[in-house]
C-alpha cells in the first residue's frame, strides 16, 4: 500500500506470475513505489505506455504520496 510516510507503507510479499512480462514489470515498479525507491521517469514511461498516468498519479495523490507525482510531471 502506498502512503505518504514510509513507516505507513505496507507489504510483506509479492506474487509474480512470470509468464506475463507486463505483469512482472508492473509488479516490480509497484514494489519500488511502495518502498520509495522508484525512478519517477521509469514509472511515468510505463504508465504513459499503458495510458493511465493521470489516473495512477491522482490515486497516489489521494493517499498523500506526492514524491512520484512531483518528480514525474516535470
N, C-alpha and C. Protein backbone atom coordinates (compact mmCIF):
# COMPACT_ATOMS: atom_id res chain seq x y z
N UNK A 1 0.84 -1.17 0.00
CA UNK A 1 0.00 0.00 0.00
C UNK A 1 0.88 1.23 0.00
N UNK A 2 0.60 2.17 -0.86
CA UNK A 2 1.35 3.41 -0.90
C UNK A 2 0.79 4.36 0.15
N UNK A 3 1.67 5.06 0.82
CA UNK A 3 1.26 6.05 1.81
C UNK A 3 2.30 7.16 1.82
N UNK A 4 1.94 8.29 2.38
CA UNK A 4 2.83 9.45 2.41
C UNK A 4 4.12 9.13 3.15
N UNK A 5 4.01 8.59 4.34
CA UNK A 5 5.18 8.30 5.15
C UNK A 5 5.62 6.85 4.96
N UNK A 6 6.91 6.66 4.85
CA UNK A 6 7.46 5.31 4.63
C UNK A 6 7.02 4.34 5.72
N UNK A 7 6.94 4.81 6.96
CA UNK A 7 6.55 3.94 8.07
C UNK A 7 5.13 3.42 7.94
N UNK A 8 4.29 4.09 7.14
CA UNK A 8 2.90 3.69 6.96
C UNK A 8 2.68 2.83 5.72
N UNK A 9 3.74 2.55 4.99
CA UNK A 9 3.61 1.72 3.79
C UNK A 9 3.63 0.26 4.20
N UNK A 10 2.88 -0.54 3.49
CA UNK A 10 2.76 -1.94 3.87
C UNK A 10 3.04 -2.87 2.71
N UNK A 11 3.53 -4.02 3.03
CA UNK A 11 3.76 -5.07 2.05
C UNK A 11 4.76 -6.06 2.61
N UNK A 12 4.37 -7.32 2.62
CA UNK A 12 5.30 -8.31 3.15
C UNK A 12 5.55 -9.44 2.15
N UNK A 13 4.92 -9.33 0.97
CA UNK A 13 5.17 -10.34 -0.05
C UNK A 13 4.73 -9.83 -1.41
N UNK A 14 5.28 -10.45 -2.44
CA UNK A 14 4.91 -10.13 -3.81
C UNK A 14 4.76 -11.44 -4.56
N UNK A 15 3.63 -11.63 -5.19
CA UNK A 15 3.40 -12.80 -6.01
C UNK A 15 3.51 -12.37 -7.46
N UNK A 16 4.44 -12.96 -8.20
CA UNK A 16 4.68 -12.57 -9.59
C UNK A 16 4.41 -13.76 -10.51
N UNK A 17 3.56 -13.52 -11.47
CA UNK A 17 3.26 -14.53 -12.49
C UNK A 17 4.22 -14.27 -13.66
N UNK A 18 5.29 -15.03 -13.73
CA UNK A 18 6.39 -14.73 -14.64
C UNK A 18 6.09 -14.95 -16.12
N UNK A 19 4.98 -15.55 -16.47
CA UNK A 19 4.72 -15.75 -17.88
C UNK A 19 4.06 -14.53 -18.53
N UNK A 20 3.94 -13.46 -17.81
CA UNK A 20 3.38 -12.22 -18.36
C UNK A 20 4.35 -11.08 -18.07
N UNK A 21 5.08 -10.67 -19.11
CA UNK A 21 6.12 -9.66 -18.94
C UNK A 21 5.57 -8.35 -18.38
N UNK A 22 4.41 -7.92 -18.82
CA UNK A 22 3.83 -6.68 -18.31
C UNK A 22 3.51 -6.76 -16.84
N UNK A 23 3.02 -7.92 -16.42
CA UNK A 23 2.71 -8.12 -15.01
C UNK A 23 3.97 -8.05 -14.17
N UNK A 24 5.05 -8.65 -14.66
CA UNK A 24 6.32 -8.62 -13.92
C UNK A 24 6.82 -7.19 -13.79
N UNK A 25 6.83 -6.45 -14.90
CA UNK A 25 7.29 -5.06 -14.88
C UNK A 25 6.43 -4.22 -13.95
N UNK A 26 5.11 -4.38 -14.06
CA UNK A 26 4.19 -3.62 -13.22
C UNK A 26 4.40 -3.94 -11.74
N UNK A 27 4.59 -5.20 -11.43
CA UNK A 27 4.81 -5.62 -10.04
C UNK A 27 6.10 -5.03 -9.50
N UNK A 28 7.16 -5.08 -10.30
CA UNK A 28 8.44 -4.51 -9.87
C UNK A 28 8.32 -3.01 -9.62
N UNK A 29 7.68 -2.31 -10.54
CA UNK A 29 7.52 -0.86 -10.37
C UNK A 29 6.64 -0.53 -9.17
N UNK A 30 5.56 -1.27 -8.99
CA UNK A 30 4.68 -1.02 -7.84
C UNK A 30 5.42 -1.25 -6.53
N UNK A 31 6.24 -2.30 -6.49
CA UNK A 31 7.03 -2.58 -5.30
C UNK A 31 8.01 -1.44 -5.02
N UNK A 32 8.66 -0.95 -6.07
CA UNK A 32 9.60 0.16 -5.91
C UNK A 32 8.89 1.43 -5.42
N UNK A 33 7.68 1.68 -5.93
CA UNK A 33 6.90 2.85 -5.49
C UNK A 33 6.60 2.74 -4.00
N UNK A 34 6.12 1.58 -3.57
CA UNK A 34 5.77 1.39 -2.17
C UNK A 34 7.00 1.52 -1.27
N UNK A 35 8.12 1.00 -1.73
CA UNK A 35 9.35 1.10 -0.93
C UNK A 35 9.98 2.49 -0.97
N UNK A 36 9.54 3.31 -1.90
CA UNK A 36 10.08 4.66 -2.02
C UNK A 36 11.38 4.73 -2.78
N UNK A 37 11.68 3.74 -3.61
CA UNK A 37 12.93 3.72 -4.35
C UNK A 37 12.70 3.78 -5.87
N UNK A 38 11.49 4.06 -6.29
CA UNK A 38 11.15 4.05 -7.71
C UNK A 38 11.78 5.22 -8.45
N UNK A 39 12.22 4.97 -9.66
CA UNK A 39 12.69 6.01 -10.56
C UNK A 39 11.44 6.61 -11.21
N UNK A 40 11.16 7.87 -10.92
CA UNK A 40 9.92 8.50 -11.38
C UNK A 40 9.81 8.50 -12.90
N UNK A 41 10.91 8.73 -13.59
CA UNK A 41 10.89 8.74 -15.05
C UNK A 41 10.51 7.38 -15.62
N UNK A 42 11.05 6.34 -15.05
CA UNK A 42 10.75 4.98 -15.50
C UNK A 42 9.28 4.63 -15.25
N UNK A 43 8.79 5.00 -14.08
CA UNK A 43 7.39 4.74 -13.76
C UNK A 43 6.48 5.52 -14.72
N UNK A 44 6.81 6.78 -14.97
CA UNK A 44 5.99 7.60 -15.87
C UNK A 44 5.98 7.03 -17.28
N UNK A 45 7.12 6.59 -17.79
CA UNK A 45 7.17 5.99 -19.13
C UNK A 45 6.28 4.75 -19.20
N UNK A 46 6.31 3.93 -18.16
CA UNK A 46 5.47 2.73 -18.12
C UNK A 46 3.99 3.10 -18.11
N UNK A 47 3.63 4.07 -17.26
CA UNK A 47 2.23 4.49 -17.17
C UNK A 47 1.77 5.17 -18.46
N UNK A 48 2.65 5.96 -19.07
CA UNK A 48 2.31 6.60 -20.35
C UNK A 48 2.01 5.55 -21.41
N UNK A 49 2.82 4.49 -21.44
CA UNK A 49 2.62 3.42 -22.42
C UNK A 49 1.28 2.72 -22.19
N UNK A 50 0.88 2.61 -20.93
CA UNK A 50 -0.41 1.98 -20.61
C UNK A 50 -1.57 2.94 -20.79
N UNK A 51 -1.28 4.23 -20.78
CA UNK A 51 -2.33 5.23 -20.97
C UNK A 51 -3.08 5.62 -19.71
N UNK A 52 -2.51 5.33 -18.55
CA UNK A 52 -3.23 5.68 -17.32
C UNK A 52 -2.39 6.46 -16.31
N UNK A 53 -1.49 7.27 -16.83
CA UNK A 53 -0.62 8.08 -15.96
C UNK A 53 -1.44 8.97 -15.02
N UNK A 54 -2.40 9.70 -15.59
CA UNK A 54 -3.20 10.63 -14.79
C UNK A 54 -3.97 9.93 -13.68
N UNK A 55 -4.55 8.80 -13.99
CA UNK A 55 -5.35 8.06 -13.00
C UNK A 55 -4.47 7.60 -11.84
N UNK A 56 -3.32 7.00 -12.16
CA UNK A 56 -2.44 6.48 -11.11
C UNK A 56 -1.88 7.61 -10.26
N UNK A 57 -1.41 8.69 -10.89
CA UNK A 57 -0.86 9.80 -10.12
C UNK A 57 -1.93 10.44 -9.25
N UNK A 58 -3.16 10.50 -9.75
CA UNK A 58 -4.26 11.04 -8.96
C UNK A 58 -4.54 10.17 -7.74
N UNK A 59 -4.55 8.86 -7.94
CA UNK A 59 -4.78 7.94 -6.83
C UNK A 59 -3.66 8.04 -5.79
N UNK A 60 -2.41 8.15 -6.25
CA UNK A 60 -1.30 8.31 -5.31
C UNK A 60 -1.44 9.60 -4.52
N UNK A 61 -1.87 10.67 -5.19
CA UNK A 61 -2.05 11.95 -4.51
C UNK A 61 -3.14 11.87 -3.46
N UNK A 62 -4.20 11.07 -3.69
CA UNK A 62 -5.28 10.99 -2.72
C UNK A 62 -4.84 10.32 -1.42
N UNK A 63 -3.80 9.48 -1.48
CA UNK A 63 -3.31 8.87 -0.24
C UNK A 63 -2.12 9.65 0.31
N UNK A 64 -1.83 10.80 -0.31
CA UNK A 64 -0.78 11.67 0.22
C UNK A 64 0.61 11.34 -0.27
N UNK A 65 0.73 10.45 -1.25
CA UNK A 65 2.04 10.09 -1.79
C UNK A 65 2.34 11.00 -2.95
N UNK A 66 3.14 12.04 -2.71
CA UNK A 66 3.38 13.05 -3.72
C UNK A 66 4.80 13.01 -4.31
N UNK A 67 5.65 12.23 -3.76
CA UNK A 67 7.03 12.19 -4.24
C UNK A 67 7.09 11.85 -5.73
N UNK A 68 6.41 10.81 -6.13
CA UNK A 68 6.37 10.43 -7.54
C UNK A 68 5.62 11.47 -8.37
N UNK A 69 4.54 11.98 -7.81
CA UNK A 69 3.72 12.95 -8.53
C UNK A 69 4.54 14.17 -8.92
N UNK A 70 5.29 14.71 -7.99
CA UNK A 70 6.10 15.90 -8.27
C UNK A 70 7.18 15.63 -9.28
N UNK A 71 7.88 14.53 -9.11
CA UNK A 71 9.03 14.24 -9.95
C UNK A 71 8.63 13.85 -11.36
N UNK A 72 7.52 13.19 -11.53
CA UNK A 72 7.19 12.65 -12.85
C UNK A 72 6.41 13.63 -13.73
N UNK A 73 5.98 14.74 -13.19
CA UNK A 73 5.22 15.68 -14.01
C UNK A 73 6.09 16.81 -14.53
N UNK A 74 7.36 16.76 -14.25
CA UNK A 74 8.24 17.83 -14.73
C UNK A 74 8.79 17.51 -16.08
